[in-house]
Amino acid sequence: MHRRTGETGNSATLGDVAHSPLSSQASLALSISERSEVRVSRYSYALNALVDRLVDKVDSAPWTSTVGGTSTLSRPSFRTGSGNGPLYTPEQRRRRDASPWTTVQGILAPVQFTVFLVSLGLVVSYLSTGAGLEAATASIVAKTIVLYAIMITGSIWEREVFGRYLFARPFFWEDVVSIGVLALHTAYLCALGFGAGVPIQMTIALLAYASYVINATQFLLKLRAARLEQDRPMLARAGE
């Protein structure tokens, strides 16, 4: 789970800042804040560069075509979780940039995806050949442990940035699906612990992995939305 960056518009241009009566200390603080924002964004840009083609394909799917439209519904949208508003308010963005959990999420998300790919390969190999059950089982347990880690740290991150541990408006639907992913992974551990048959264990594992792919796709789409939102004011300033 990786998980979250964004940018809201700033009404002041660089020229306005340069000619404003800010003290040298305030200007230095602004410069440090901008450099910090660039460092935080590097994780998102690096991950996004690896999956950009995949995201572009998913982004063109019919169920995502309402992005940017107007909705009369008050509940969060499936794409952004925040309706037509920005992903972050200026204060939330400041807390996001200052939180060490932002970096933790940026590290754990690709780690979980790597563990998932390795585990999926081992599971498919076992189902195809009948050999390697121990390795497949160990990999599913490892994937579940990483999932618990990213869920716990992600909840702490969400609390620091949005003031609640789960179901913050910008990530409402991602959290809904994440709970389902967590439930299926936990169901696998229960099946393993209580000695359920291997076919049942592997069926639950595959369902858990399918739900993880859906959830990961949600976050990739959110990452793309955050990047576009971050680039929008930069492009606007460049066009002035």
C-alpha atoms as a PDB file:
ATOM      1  CA  MET A   1       0.000   0.000   0.000  1.00  0.00           C
ATOM      2  CA  HIS A   2       1.766   1.783  -0.712  1.00  0.00           C
ATOM      3  CA  ARG A   3       0.673   5.370  -0.856  1.00  0.00           C
ATOM      4  CA  ARG A   4       0.040   9.348  -1.478  1.00  0.00           C
ATOM      5  CA  THR A   5       1.051  12.753  -2.795  1.00  0.00           C
ATOM      6  CA  GLY A   6      -0.741  15.732  -4.291  1.00  0.00           C
ATOM      7  CA  GLU A   7      -0.654  19.488  -4.791  1.00  0.00           C
ATOM      8  CA  THR A   8      -3.172  22.279  -4.522  1.00  0.00           C
ATOM      9  CA  GLY A   9      -3.138  25.533  -6.413  1.00  0.00           C
ATOM     10  CA  ASN A  10      -1.239  28.590  -5.162  1.00  0.00           C
ATOM     11  CA  SER A  11      -2.603  31.980  -6.121  1.00  0.00           C
ATOM     12  CA  ALA A  12       0.783  33.732  -5.754  1.00  0.00           C
ATOM     13  CA  THR A  13       3.332  33.515  -8.557  1.00  0.00           C
ATOM     14  CA  LEU A  14       7.071  33.417  -8.036  1.00  0.00           C
ATOM     15  CA  GLY A  15       7.241  37.022  -9.209  1.00  0.00           C
ATOM     16  CA  ASP A  16       4.695  38.069  -6.587  1.00  0.00           C
ATOM     17  CA  VAL A  17       6.727  36.369  -3.889  1.00  0.00           C
ATOM     18  CA  ALA A  18       9.936  38.020  -5.053  1.00  0.00           C
ATOM     19  CA  HIS A  19       8.378  41.508  -4.835  1.00  0.00           C
ATOM     20  CA  SER A  20       6.362  40.986  -1.643  1.00  0.00           C
ATOM     21  CA  PRO A  21       7.504  42.500   1.668  1.00  0.00           C
ATOM     22  CA  LEU A  22       8.403  39.113   3.125  1.00  0.00           C
ATOM     23  CA  SER A  23      11.326  39.054   5.496  1.00  0.00           C
ATOM     24  CA  SER A  24      14.449  37.088   4.575  1.00  0.00           C
ATOM     25  CA  GLN A  25      13.552  34.478   7.176  1.00  0.00           C
ATOM     26  CA  ALA A  26      10.102  33.927   5.650  1.00  0.00           C
ATOM     27  CA  SER A  27      11.637  33.625   2.192  1.00  0.00           C
ATOM     28  CA  LEU A  28      14.129  31.062   3.484  1.00  0.00           C
ATOM     29  CA  ALA A  29      11.302  29.068   5.096  1.00  0.00           C
ATOM     30  CA  LEU A  30       9.393  29.072   1.796  1.00  0.00           C
ATOM     31  CA  SER A  31      12.491  27.835  -0.047  1.00  0.00           C
ATOM     32  CA  ILE A  32      13.013  25.018   2.463  1.00  0.00           C
ATOM     33  CA  SER A  33       9.348  24.026   2.161  1.00  0.00           C
ATOM     34  CA  GLU A  34       9.597  23.860  -1.632  1.00  0.00           C
ATOM     35  CA  ARG A  35      12.754  21.719  -1.476  1.00  0.00           C
ATOM     36  CA  SER A  36      11.055  19.389   1.017  1.00  0.00           C
ATOM     37  CA  GLU A  37       8.077  19.053  -1.303  1.00  0.00           C
ATOM     38  CA  VAL A  38      10.362  18.127  -4.194  1.00  0.00           C
ATOM     39  CA  ARG A  39      12.054  15.418  -2.092  1.00  0.00           C
ATOM     40  CA  VAL A  40       8.717  13.930  -1.028  1.00  0.00           C
ATOM     41  CA  SER A  41       7.491  13.971  -4.619  1.00  0.00           C
ATOM     42  CA  ARG A  42      10.501  11.985  -5.879  1.00  0.00           C
ATOM     43  CA  TYR A  43       9.093   8.746  -4.497  1.00  0.00           C
ATOM     44  CA  SER A  44       5.813   9.231  -6.334  1.00  0.00           C
ATOM     45  CA  TYR A  45       7.485  10.265  -9.581  1.00  0.00           C
ATOM     46  CA  ALA A  46       9.885   7.299  -9.480  1.00  0.00           C
ATOM     47  CA  LEU A  47       7.079   4.806  -8.899  1.00  0.00           C
ATOM     48  CA  ASN A  48       4.825   6.543 -11.382  1.00  0.00           C
ATOM     49  CA  ALA A  49       7.516   6.370 -14.074  1.00  0.00           C
ATOM     50  CA  LEU A  50       7.583   2.573 -13.751  1.00  0.00           C
ATOM     51  CA  VAL A  51       3.836   2.118 -14.009  1.00  0.00           C
ATOM     52  CA  ASP A  52       2.802   5.098 -16.134  1.00  0.00           C
ATOM     53  CA  ARG A  53       1.824   3.024 -19.153  1.00  0.00           C
ATOM     54  CA  LEU A  54      -0.293   0.700 -17.032  1.00  0.00           C
ATOM     55  CA  VAL A  55      -1.998   3.644 -15.360  1.00  0.00           C
ATOM     56  CA  ASP A  56      -2.710   5.304 -18.704  1.00  0.00           C
ATOM     57  CA  LYS A  57      -4.449   2.165 -19.917  1.00  0.00           C
ATOM     58  CA  VAL A  58      -6.550   1.840 -16.788  1.00  0.00           C
ATOM     59  CA  ASP A  59      -7.244   5.567 -16.750  1.00  0.00           C
ATOM     60  CA  SER A  60      -8.961   5.280 -20.132  1.00  0.00           C
ATOM     61  CA  ALA A  61     -11.388   2.624 -18.898  1.00  0.00           C
ATOM     62  CA  PRO A  62     -15.131   3.509 -19.046  1.00  0.00           C
ATOM     63  CA  TRP A  63     -15.597   3.555 -15.286  1.00  0.00           C
ATOM     64  CA  THR A  64     -13.073   6.385 -14.911  1.00  0.00           C
ATOM     65  CA  SER A  65     -14.510   8.647 -17.583  1.00  0.00           C
ATOM     66  CA  THR A  66     -16.396  10.886 -15.175  1.00  0.00           C
ATOM     67  CA  VAL A  67     -13.247  12.467 -13.713  1.00  0.00           C
ATOM     68  CA  GLY A  68     -13.478  16.239 -13.798  1.00  0.00           C
ATOM     69  CA  GLY A  69     -17.247  16.159 -14.286  1.00  0.00           C
ATOM     70  CA  THR A  70     -19.889  17.608 -12.042  1.00  0.00           C
ATOM     71  CA  SER A  71     -21.757  15.354  -9.667  1.00  0.00           C
ATOM     72  CA  THR A  72     -24.720  16.073  -7.451  1.00  0.00           C
ATOM     73  CA  LEU A  73     -23.862  13.209  -5.132  1.00  0.00           C
ATOM     74  CA  SER A  74     -22.406  14.075  -1.756  1.00  0.00           C
ATOM     75  CA  ARG A  75     -20.541  10.831  -1.250  1.00  0.00           C
ATOM     76  CA  PRO A  76     -16.889  10.550  -2.363  1.00  0.00           C
ATOM     77  CA  SER A  77     -16.251   9.685  -5.983  1.00  0.00           C
ATOM     78  CA  PHE A  78     -14.699   6.321  -6.844  1.00  0.00           C
ATOM     79  CA  ARG A  79     -11.755   7.992  -8.586  1.00  0.00           C
ATOM     80  CA  THR A  80     -10.624  10.696  -6.203  1.00  0.00           C
ATOM     81  CA  GLY A  81     -12.682  10.016  -3.093  1.00  0.00           C
ATOM     82  CA  SER A  82     -13.181  13.758  -2.684  1.00  0.00           C
ATOM     83  CA  GLY A  83     -15.697  14.760  -5.305  1.00  0.00           C
ATOM     84  CA  ASN A  84     -14.512  17.716  -7.378  1.00  0.00           C
ATOM     85  CA  GLY A  85     -12.300  19.224  -4.672  1.00  0.00           C
ATOM     86  CA  PRO A  86      -8.515  18.926  -4.366  1.00  0.00           C
ATOM     87  CA  LEU A  87      -6.971  15.840  -2.789  1.00  0.00           C
ATOM     88  CA  TYR A  88      -5.270  17.962  -0.130  1.00  0.00           C
ATOM     89  CA  THR A  89      -5.932  21.303   1.465  1.00  0.00           C
ATOM     90  CA  PRO A  90      -2.838  23.466   1.961  1.00  0.00           C
ATOM     91  CA  GLU A  91      -2.680  22.461   5.636  1.00  0.00           C
ATOM     92  CA  GLN A  92      -3.064  18.754   4.832  1.00  0.00           C
ATOM     93  CA  ARG A  93      -0.335  19.035   2.220  1.00  0.00           C
ATOM     94  CA  ARG A  94       1.946  20.675   4.778  1.00  0.00           C
ATOM     95  CA  ARG A  95       1.296  17.843   7.259  1.00  0.00           C
ATOM     96  CA  ARG A  96       1.843  15.256   4.532  1.00  0.00           C
ATOM     97  CA  ASP A  97       5.204  16.723   3.585  1.00  0.00           C
ATOM     98  CA  ALA A  98       6.307  16.914   7.230  1.00  0.00           C
ATOM     99  CA  SER A  99       5.221  13.383   8.174  1.00  0.00           C
ATOM    100  CA  PRO A 100       7.896  10.651   8.267  1.00  0.00           C
ATOM    101  CA  TRP A 101       5.119   8.166   7.485  1.00  0.00           C
ATOM    102  CA  THR A 102       4.951   9.575   3.958  1.00  0.00           C
ATOM    103  CA  THR A 103       8.421   8.179   3.316  1.00  0.00           C
ATOM    104  CA  VAL A 104       7.517   4.898   5.021  1.00  0.00           C
ATOM    105  CA  GLN A 105       4.528   4.476   2.710  1.00  0.00           C
ATOM    106  CA  GLY A 106       6.675   5.326  -0.310  1.00  0.00           C
ATOM    107  CA  ILE A 107       9.050   2.501   0.638  1.00  0.00           C
ATOM    108  CA  LEU A 108       6.528  -0.142   1.718  1.00  0.00           C
ATOM    109  CA  ALA A 109       4.293   0.161  -1.355  1.00  0.00           C
ATOM    110  CA  PRO A 110       6.897  -1.067  -3.902  1.00  0.00           C
ATOM    111  CA  VAL A 111       8.190  -3.628  -1.372  1.00  0.00           C
ATOM    112  CA  GLN A 112       4.704  -5.095  -1.066  1.00  0.00           C
ATOM    113  CA  PHE A 113       4.294  -5.181  -4.842  1.00  0.00           C
ATOM    114  CA  THR A 114       7.623  -6.992  -5.233  1.00  0.00           C
ATOM    115  CA  VAL A 115       6.694  -9.571  -2.586  1.00  0.00           C
ATOM    116  CA  PHE A 116       3.339 -10.011  -4.328  1.00  0.00           C
ATOM    117  CA  LEU A 117       4.961 -10.741  -7.706  1.00  0.00           C
ATOM    118  CA  VAL A 118       7.356 -13.285  -6.202  1.00  0.00           C
ATOM    119  CA  SER A 119       4.587 -14.946  -4.218  1.00  0.00           C
ATOM    120  CA  LEU A 120       2.226 -15.055  -7.181  1.00  0.00           C
ATOM    121  CA  GLY A 121       4.912 -16.778  -9.224  1.00  0.00           C
ATOM    122  CA  LEU A 122       5.445 -19.382  -6.498  1.00  0.00           C
ATOM    123  CA  VAL A 123       1.707 -20.000  -6.120  1.00  0.00           C
ATOM    124  CA  VAL A 124       1.191 -20.399  -9.862  1.00  0.00           C
ATOM    125  CA  SER A 125       4.213 -22.715 -10.023  1.00  0.00           C
ATOM    126  CA  TYR A 126       2.773 -24.895  -7.246  1.00  0.00           C
ATOM    127  CA  LEU A 127      -0.663 -25.023  -8.861  1.00  0.00           C
ATOM    128  CA  SER A 128       0.933 -25.975 -12.188  1.00  0.00           C
ATOM    129  CA  THR A 129       3.436 -28.571 -10.993  1.00  0.00           C
ATOM    130  CA  GLY A 130       2.256 -29.656  -7.546  1.00  0.00           C
ATOM    131  CA  ALA A 131       5.719 -28.918  -6.158  1.00  0.00           C
ATOM    132  CA  GLY A 132       6.872 -26.086  -3.916  1.00  0.00           C
ATOM    133  CA  LEU A 133       3.960 -25.893  -1.484  1.00  0.00           C
ATOM    134  CA  GLU A 134       6.175 -24.805   1.409  1.00  0.00           C
ATOM    135  CA  ALA A 135       7.709 -21.955  -0.576  1.00  0.00           C
ATOM    136  CA  ALA A 136       4.316 -20.808  -1.845  1.00  0.00           C
ATOM    137  CA  THR A 137       2.857 -20.892   1.669  1.00  0.00           C
ATOM    138  CA  ALA A 138       5.775 -18.962   3.147  1.00  0.00           C
ATOM    139  CA  SER A 139       5.500 -16.333   0.437  1.00  0.00           C
ATOM    140  CA  ILE A 140       1.783 -15.794   1.091  1.00  0.00           C
ATOM    141  CA  VAL A 141       2.471 -15.382   4.806  1.00  0.00           C
ATOM    142  CA  ALA A 142       5.238 -12.881   3.992  1.00  0.00           C
ATOM    143  CA  LYS A 143       2.896 -10.960   1.698  1.00  0.00           C
ATOM    144  CA  THR A 144       0.302 -10.844   4.492  1.00  0.00           C
ATOM    145  CA  ILE A 145       2.854  -9.525   7.002  1.00  0.00           C
ATOM    146  CA  VAL A 146       3.879  -6.733   4.630  1.00  0.00           C
ATOM    147  CA  LEU A 147       0.205  -5.931   4.070  1.00  0.00           C
ATOM    148  CA  TYR A 148      -0.384  -5.597   7.823  1.00  0.00           C
ATOM    149  CA  ALA A 149       2.651  -3.316   8.065  1.00  0.00           C
ATOM    150  CA  ILE A 150       1.483  -1.016   5.287  1.00  0.00           C
ATOM    151  CA  MET A 151      -2.078  -0.944   6.646  1.00  0.00           C
ATOM    152  CA  ILE A 152      -0.945   0.006  10.155  1.00  0.00           C
ATOM    153  CA  THR A 153       1.535   2.650   9.031  1.00  0.00           C
ATOM    154  CA  GLY A 154      -0.916   3.908   6.424  1.00  0.00           C
ATOM    155  CA  SER A 155      -3.575   4.400   9.090  1.00  0.00           C
ATOM    156  CA  ILE A 156      -1.100   6.386  11.191  1.00  0.00           C
ATOM    157  CA  TRP A 157      -0.244   8.472   8.116  1.00  0.00           C
ATOM    158  CA  GLU A 158      -3.914   9.094   7.425  1.00  0.00           C
ATOM    159  CA  ARG A 159      -4.466  10.164  11.037  1.00  0.00           C
ATOM    160  CA  GLU A 160      -1.579  12.642  10.876  1.00  0.00           C
ATOM    161  CA  VAL A 161      -2.653  14.157   7.561  1.00  0.00           C
ATOM    162  CA  PHE A 162      -6.458  13.984   7.654  1.00  0.00           C
ATOM    163  CA  GLY A 163      -7.248  13.589  11.352  1.00  0.00           C
ATOM    164  CA  ARG A 164      -8.721  10.070  11.204  1.00  0.00           C
ATOM    165  CA  TYR A 165      -7.272   6.589  10.946  1.00  0.00           C
ATOM    166  CA  LEU A 166      -9.513   5.295   8.155  1.00  0.00           C
ATOM    167  CA  PHE A 167     -12.027   6.480   5.563  1.00  0.00           C
ATOM    168  CA  ALA A 168     -10.718  10.021   5.185  1.00  0.00           C
ATOM    169  CA  ARG A 169     -12.667  11.534   2.325  1.00  0.00           C
ATOM    170  CA  PRO A 170      -9.868  11.645  -0.308  1.00  0.00           C
ATOM    171  CA  PHE A 171      -9.085   7.944   0.257  1.00  0.00           C
ATOM    172  CA  PHE A 172     -12.526   6.653   1.224  1.00  0.00           C
ATOM    173  CA  TRP A 173     -12.968   4.017  -1.488  1.00  0.00           C
ATOM    174  CA  GLU A 174      -9.338   2.932  -1.355  1.00  0.00           C
ATOM    175  CA  ASP A 175      -9.786   2.260   2.366  1.00  0.00           C
ATOM    176  CA  VAL A 176     -13.039   0.364   1.767  1.00  0.00           C
ATOM    177  CA  VAL A 177     -11.334  -2.010  -0.652  1.00  0.00           C
ATOM    178  CA  SER A 178      -8.245  -2.208   1.574  1.00  0.00           C
ATOM    179  CA  ILE A 179     -10.389  -3.581   4.390  1.00  0.00           C
ATOM    180  CA  GLY A 180     -11.604  -6.315   2.034  1.00  0.00           C
ATOM    181  CA  VAL A 181      -8.027  -7.105   1.017  1.00  0.00           C
ATOM    182  CA  LEU A 182      -7.010  -7.330   4.661  1.00  0.00           C
ATOM    183  CA  ALA A 183      -9.980  -9.570   5.477  1.00  0.00           C
ATOM    184  CA  LEU A 184      -9.108 -12.035   2.703  1.00  0.00           C
ATOM    185  CA  HIS A 185      -5.445 -12.200   3.704  1.00  0.00           C
ATOM    186  CA  THR A 186      -6.513 -12.767   7.307  1.00  0.00           C
ATOM    187  CA  ALA A 187      -8.908 -15.474   6.152  1.00  0.00           C
ATOM    188  CA  TYR A 188      -5.945 -17.225   4.513  1.00  0.00           C
ATOM    189  CA  LEU A 189      -3.992 -17.174   7.771  1.00  0.00           C
ATOM    190  CA  CYS A 190      -7.020 -18.618   9.556  1.00  0.00           C
ATOM    191  CA  ALA A 191      -7.380 -21.369   6.957  1.00  0.00           C
ATOM    192  CA  LEU A 192      -3.674 -22.153   7.275  1.00  0.00           C
ATOM    193  CA  GLY A 193      -3.750 -22.121  11.071  1.00  0.00           C
ATOM    194  CA  PHE A 194      -6.815 -24.299  11.382  1.00  0.00           C
ATOM    195  CA  GLY A 195      -5.531 -26.827   8.858  1.00  0.00           C
ATOM    196  CA  ALA A 196      -7.991 -26.289   6.030  1.00  0.00           C
ATOM    197  CA  GLY A 197      -7.316 -28.200   2.841  1.00  0.00           C
ATOM    198  CA  VAL A 198      -4.645 -26.844   0.511  1.00  0.00           C
ATOM    199  CA  PRO A 199      -7.164 -26.211  -2.319  1.00  0.00           C
ATOM    200  CA  ILE A 200      -9.181 -24.001   0.059  1.00  0.00           C
ATOM    201  CA  GLN A 201      -6.036 -22.183   1.170  1.00  0.00           C
ATOM    202  CA  MET A 202      -4.925 -21.494  -2.386  1.00  0.00           C
ATOM    203  CA  THR A 203      -8.401 -20.366  -3.438  1.00  0.00           C
ATOM    204  CA  ILE A 204      -8.488 -17.831  -0.621  1.00  0.00           C
ATOM    205  CA  ALA A 205      -4.951 -16.712  -1.471  1.00  0.00           C
ATOM    206  CA  LEU A 206      -5.852 -16.120  -5.118  1.00  0.00           C
ATOM    207  CA  LEU A 207      -8.968 -14.169  -4.115  1.00  0.00           C
ATOM    208  CA  ALA A 208      -6.840 -12.099  -1.742  1.00  0.00           C
ATOM    209  CA  TYR A 209      -4.326 -11.397  -4.496  1.00  0.00           C
ATOM    210  CA  ALA A 210      -7.066 -10.439  -6.967  1.00  0.00           C
ATOM    211  CA  SER A 211      -8.468  -7.958  -4.454  1.00  0.00           C
ATOM    212  CA  TYR A 212      -4.959  -6.592  -3.887  1.00  0.00           C
ATOM    213  CA  VAL A 213      -4.549  -5.938  -7.621  1.00  0.00           C
ATOM    214  CA  ILE A 214      -7.821  -3.992  -7.609  1.00  0.00           C
ATOM    215  CA  ASN A 215      -6.710  -1.983  -4.583  1.00  0.00           C
ATOM    216  CA  ALA A 216      -3.268  -1.315  -6.070  1.00  0.00           C
ATOM    217  CA  THR A 217      -4.944  -0.064  -9.248  1.00  0.00           C
ATOM    218  CA  GLN A 218      -7.024   2.336  -7.153  1.00  0.00           C
ATOM    219  CA  PHE A 219      -3.900   3.794  -5.614  1.00  0.00           C
ATOM    220  CA  LEU A 220      -2.148   4.031  -8.976  1.00  0.00           C
ATOM    221  CA  LEU A 221      -5.085   6.038 -10.284  1.00  0.00           C
ATOM    222  CA  LYS A 222      -4.968   8.230  -7.185  1.00  0.00           C
ATOM    223  CA  LEU A 223      -1.225   8.693  -7.703  1.00  0.00           C
ATOM    224  CA  ARG A 224      -1.893   9.829 -11.253  1.00  0.00           C
ATOM    225  CA  ALA A 225      -4.623  12.219 -10.098  1.00  0.00           C
ATOM    226  CA  ALA A 226      -2.263  13.660  -7.482  1.00  0.00           C
ATOM    227  CA  ARG A 227       0.484  14.124 -10.050  1.00  0.00           C
ATOM    228  CA  LEU A 228      -1.846  15.887 -12.482  1.00  0.00           C
ATOM    229  CA  GLU A 229      -3.122  18.099  -9.681  1.00  0.00           C
ATOM    230  CA  GLN A 230       0.445  18.919  -8.675  1.00  0.00           C
ATOM    231  CA  ASP A 231       1.503  19.738 -12.237  1.00  0.00           C
ATOM    232  CA  ARG A 232      -1.510  21.945 -12.985  1.00  0.00           C
ATOM    233  CA  PRO A 233      -0.363  25.112 -11.165  1.00  0.00           C
ATOM    234  CA  MET A 234       3.196  24.651 -12.459  1.00  0.00           C
ATOM    235  CA  LEU A 235       1.927  24.548 -16.031  1.00  0.00           C
ATOM    236  CA  ALA A 236      -0.275  27.559 -15.359  1.00  0.00           C
ATOM    237  CA  ARG A 237       2.712  29.566 -14.088  1.00  0.00           C
ATOM    238  CA  ALA A 238       4.817  28.448 -17.049  1.00  0.00           C
ATOM    239  CA  GLY A 239       2.173  29.743 -19.436  1.00  0.00           C
ATOM    240  CA  GLU A 240       2.103  33.196 -17.867  1.00  0.00           C
END
